[in-house]
Amino acid sequence: MIGVKGGGCNGLTYYIEPTNDRPNKLDETMKVDGVDIIVCNKSLFYLIGTEIKWKDDLMGSGIEFINPNATSSCGCGETFSV
């Protein structure tokens, strides 16, 4: 499941967590490269238009969120505000 929750230095933080639960009725579901992905319905407003991709650079490897709704983000890119 992918979503956002309160926390971090900018107010909201992204989370990705594996789940075997069935999606809630209002959750968004999709299949990407054969992988089922669930987006938390409470997080949809914050994630509309967000691009999620794998990043490999001198600082390391990890998942990068490119969120057009974010008005500011911290230096590490883990937290944001709208």
N, C-alpha and C. Protein backbone atom coordinates (compact mmCIF):
# COMPACT_ATOMS: atom_id res chain seq x y z
N MET A 1 0.84 -1.17 0.00
CA MET A 1 0.00 0.00 0.00
C MET A 1 0.89 1.24 0.00
N ILE A 2 0.47 2.23 -0.75
CA ILE A 2 1.17 3.50 -0.84
C ILE A 2 0.25 4.57 -0.27
N GLY A 3 0.82 5.50 0.50
CA GLY A 3 0.01 6.58 1.05
C GLY A 3 0.87 7.63 1.71
N VAL A 4 0.20 8.54 2.38
CA VAL A 4 0.89 9.57 3.15
C VAL A 4 0.31 9.58 4.57
N LYS A 5 1.12 10.02 5.51
CA LYS A 5 0.66 10.18 6.89
C LYS A 5 1.35 11.40 7.47
N GLY A 6 0.81 11.89 8.56
CA GLY A 6 1.39 13.05 9.22
C GLY A 6 2.72 12.70 9.85
N GLY A 7 3.65 13.66 9.79
CA GLY A 7 4.95 13.45 10.42
C GLY A 7 6.06 14.10 9.64
N GLY A 8 7.24 14.00 10.17
CA GLY A 8 8.42 14.55 9.52
C GLY A 8 8.53 16.04 9.70
N CYS A 9 9.54 16.62 9.11
CA CYS A 9 9.82 18.04 9.31
C CYS A 9 8.93 18.96 8.48
N ASN A 10 8.20 18.41 7.50
CA ASN A 10 7.35 19.25 6.66
C ASN A 10 5.86 18.95 6.80
N GLY A 11 5.49 18.05 7.68
CA GLY A 11 4.08 17.82 7.95
C GLY A 11 3.52 16.51 7.44
N LEU A 12 3.93 16.07 6.25
CA LEU A 12 3.45 14.82 5.67
C LEU A 12 4.62 13.98 5.20
N THR A 13 4.49 12.68 5.33
CA THR A 13 5.54 11.77 4.88
C THR A 13 4.92 10.65 4.06
N TYR A 14 5.65 10.19 3.07
CA TYR A 14 5.20 9.07 2.23
C TYR A 14 5.43 7.76 2.96
N TYR A 15 4.59 6.77 2.65
CA TYR A 15 4.87 5.42 3.13
C TYR A 15 4.53 4.40 2.06
N ILE A 16 5.29 3.34 2.06
CA ILE A 16 5.04 2.17 1.22
C ILE A 16 5.17 0.97 2.13
N GLU A 17 4.13 0.17 2.20
CA GLU A 17 4.19 -1.00 3.06
C GLU A 17 3.50 -2.17 2.38
N PRO A 18 4.11 -3.36 2.46
CA PRO A 18 3.48 -4.54 1.87
C PRO A 18 2.21 -4.90 2.64
N THR A 19 1.24 -5.45 1.94
CA THR A 19 0.00 -5.87 2.59
C THR A 19 -0.60 -7.06 1.85
N ASN A 20 -1.23 -7.91 2.60
CA ASN A 20 -2.00 -9.01 2.01
C ASN A 20 -3.49 -8.74 2.14
N ASP A 21 -3.83 -7.58 2.71
CA ASP A 21 -5.23 -7.21 2.90
C ASP A 21 -5.88 -6.88 1.58
N ARG A 22 -7.17 -7.06 1.54
CA ARG A 22 -7.95 -6.63 0.38
C ARG A 22 -8.09 -5.11 0.45
N PRO A 23 -8.10 -4.45 -0.70
CA PRO A 23 -8.25 -2.99 -0.67
C PRO A 23 -9.64 -2.60 -0.15
N ASN A 24 -9.71 -1.45 0.50
CA ASN A 24 -11.00 -0.89 0.89
C ASN A 24 -11.76 -0.47 -0.36
N LYS A 25 -13.04 -0.29 -0.23
CA LYS A 25 -13.90 0.04 -1.37
C LYS A 25 -13.45 1.31 -2.09
N LEU A 26 -12.93 2.28 -1.37
CA LEU A 26 -12.55 3.56 -1.97
C LEU A 26 -11.07 3.67 -2.32
N ASP A 27 -10.26 2.65 -1.99
CA ASP A 27 -8.85 2.66 -2.36
C ASP A 27 -8.70 2.58 -3.88
N GLU A 28 -7.65 3.15 -4.39
CA GLU A 28 -7.32 3.06 -5.82
C GLU A 28 -6.42 1.86 -6.01
N THR A 29 -6.72 1.01 -6.98
CA THR A 29 -5.88 -0.15 -7.25
C THR A 29 -5.40 -0.10 -8.70
N MET A 30 -4.20 -0.62 -8.92
CA MET A 30 -3.63 -0.68 -10.26
C MET A 30 -2.61 -1.81 -10.32
N LYS A 31 -2.26 -2.21 -11.50
CA LYS A 31 -1.26 -3.24 -11.69
C LYS A 31 -0.14 -2.63 -12.54
N VAL A 32 1.09 -2.67 -12.01
CA VAL A 32 2.25 -2.13 -12.72
C VAL A 32 3.27 -3.24 -12.85
N ASP A 33 3.62 -3.59 -14.08
CA ASP A 33 4.58 -4.66 -14.35
C ASP A 33 4.23 -5.94 -13.59
N GLY A 34 2.94 -6.26 -13.53
CA GLY A 34 2.48 -7.49 -12.89
C GLY A 34 2.35 -7.41 -11.38
N VAL A 35 2.61 -6.23 -10.80
CA VAL A 35 2.53 -6.05 -9.34
C VAL A 35 1.26 -5.26 -9.01
N ASP A 36 0.44 -5.80 -8.11
CA ASP A 36 -0.75 -5.09 -7.66
C ASP A 36 -0.35 -3.99 -6.68
N ILE A 37 -0.84 -2.78 -6.94
CA ILE A 37 -0.53 -1.64 -6.09
C ILE A 37 -1.84 -1.04 -5.60
N ILE A 38 -1.88 -0.75 -4.30
CA ILE A 38 -3.04 -0.12 -3.68
C ILE A 38 -2.62 1.25 -3.17
N VAL A 39 -3.41 2.27 -3.51
CA VAL A 39 -3.17 3.62 -2.99
C VAL A 39 -4.28 3.91 -1.99
N CYS A 40 -3.90 4.24 -0.77
CA CYS A 40 -4.82 4.53 0.31
C CYS A 40 -5.79 5.64 -0.10
N ASN A 41 -7.09 5.40 0.08
CA ASN A 41 -8.08 6.40 -0.34
C ASN A 41 -7.94 7.72 0.41
N LYS A 42 -7.46 7.69 1.63
CA LYS A 42 -7.30 8.92 2.40
C LYS A 42 -6.11 9.74 1.90
N SER A 43 -5.24 9.12 1.10
CA SER A 43 -4.04 9.79 0.59
C SER A 43 -4.19 10.25 -0.86
N LEU A 44 -5.26 9.86 -1.54
CA LEU A 44 -5.40 10.15 -2.96
C LEU A 44 -5.27 11.64 -3.28
N PHE A 45 -5.90 12.48 -2.47
CA PHE A 45 -5.84 13.93 -2.71
C PHE A 45 -4.40 14.43 -2.76
N TYR A 46 -3.54 13.90 -1.91
CA TYR A 46 -2.15 14.35 -1.83
C TYR A 46 -1.26 13.73 -2.91
N LEU A 47 -1.70 12.63 -3.50
CA LEU A 47 -0.85 11.89 -4.43
C LEU A 47 -1.27 12.00 -5.90
N ILE A 48 -2.35 12.70 -6.19
CA ILE A 48 -2.80 12.83 -7.58
C ILE A 48 -1.68 13.43 -8.43
N GLY A 49 -1.32 12.75 -9.49
CA GLY A 49 -0.29 13.22 -10.41
C GLY A 49 1.13 12.89 -9.98
N THR A 50 1.30 12.22 -8.85
CA THR A 50 2.65 11.91 -8.35
C THR A 50 3.30 10.80 -9.18
N GLU A 51 4.55 11.01 -9.53
CA GLU A 51 5.35 10.00 -10.22
C GLU A 51 6.25 9.34 -9.18
N ILE A 52 6.24 8.02 -9.18
CA ILE A 52 7.08 7.26 -8.25
C ILE A 52 8.08 6.48 -9.09
N LYS A 53 9.36 6.66 -8.82
CA LYS A 53 10.36 5.96 -9.62
C LYS A 53 11.56 5.58 -8.77
N TRP A 54 12.32 4.65 -9.27
CA TRP A 54 13.54 4.20 -8.62
C TRP A 54 14.66 5.16 -8.97
N LYS A 55 15.44 5.57 -7.98
CA LYS A 55 16.53 6.53 -8.18
C LYS A 55 17.85 5.87 -7.81
N ASP A 56 18.83 6.04 -8.64
CA ASP A 56 20.19 5.56 -8.40
C ASP A 56 21.14 6.73 -8.67
N ASP A 57 21.77 7.25 -7.63
CA ASP A 57 22.73 8.34 -7.83
C ASP A 57 23.84 8.25 -6.79
N LEU A 58 24.68 9.28 -6.72
CA LEU A 58 25.81 9.26 -5.80
C LEU A 58 25.39 9.20 -4.33
N MET A 59 24.18 9.66 -4.03
CA MET A 59 23.68 9.66 -2.65
C MET A 59 23.10 8.30 -2.25
N GLY A 60 22.95 7.41 -3.22
CA GLY A 60 22.40 6.09 -2.93
C GLY A 60 21.24 5.73 -3.84
N SER A 61 20.59 4.65 -3.51
CA SER A 61 19.46 4.16 -4.29
C SER A 61 18.21 4.19 -3.44
N GLY A 62 17.08 4.37 -4.08
CA GLY A 62 15.82 4.36 -3.35
C GLY A 62 14.67 4.85 -4.20
N ILE A 63 13.51 4.87 -3.60
CA ILE A 63 12.30 5.30 -4.28
C ILE A 63 12.19 6.82 -4.17
N GLU A 64 11.86 7.46 -5.29
CA GLU A 64 11.73 8.90 -5.34
C GLU A 64 10.28 9.26 -5.69
N PHE A 65 9.70 10.18 -4.95
CA PHE A 65 8.36 10.68 -5.22
C PHE A 65 8.49 12.06 -5.85
N ILE A 66 7.91 12.22 -7.03
CA ILE A 66 7.89 13.53 -7.70
C ILE A 66 6.43 13.98 -7.66
N ASN A 67 6.12 14.85 -6.70
CA ASN A 67 4.75 15.20 -6.39
C ASN A 67 4.45 16.64 -6.80
N PRO A 68 3.59 16.82 -7.84
CA PRO A 68 3.26 18.19 -8.27
C PRO A 68 2.41 18.96 -7.27
N ASN A 69 1.84 18.28 -6.28
CA ASN A 69 1.00 18.93 -5.27
C ASN A 69 1.80 19.50 -4.11
N ALA A 70 3.06 19.08 -3.98
CA ALA A 70 3.89 19.53 -2.86
C ALA A 70 4.32 20.98 -3.07
N THR A 71 4.06 21.82 -2.07
CA THR A 71 4.49 23.21 -2.15
C THR A 71 5.88 23.39 -1.57
N SER A 72 6.29 22.46 -0.70
CA SER A 72 7.65 22.46 -0.19
C SER A 72 8.00 21.04 0.25
N SER A 73 9.27 20.76 0.32
CA SER A 73 9.73 19.46 0.79
C SER A 73 11.05 19.63 1.51
N CYS A 74 11.39 18.63 2.32
CA CYS A 74 12.65 18.71 3.06
C CYS A 74 13.81 18.32 2.14
N GLY A 75 15.00 18.51 2.59
CA GLY A 75 16.18 18.22 1.79
C GLY A 75 16.32 16.76 1.40
N CYS A 76 15.85 15.87 2.26
CA CYS A 76 15.98 14.43 1.97
C CYS A 76 14.88 13.94 1.04
N GLY A 77 13.82 14.75 0.83
CA GLY A 77 12.74 14.36 -0.07
C GLY A 77 11.73 13.39 0.54
N GLU A 78 11.86 13.11 1.81
CA GLU A 78 10.97 12.16 2.47
C GLU A 78 9.68 12.80 2.96
N THR A 79 9.71 14.09 3.25
CA THR A 79 8.51 14.75 3.76
C THR A 79 8.17 15.96 2.88
N PHE A 80 6.89 16.36 2.94
CA PHE A 80 6.44 17.47 2.11
C PHE A 80 5.24 18.15 2.76
N SER A 81 4.85 19.28 2.21
CA SER A 81 3.63 19.96 2.63
C SER A 81 2.88 20.41 1.38
N VAL A 82 1.59 20.64 1.54
CA VAL A 82 0.75 21.09 0.41
C VAL A 82 0.12 22.41 0.72
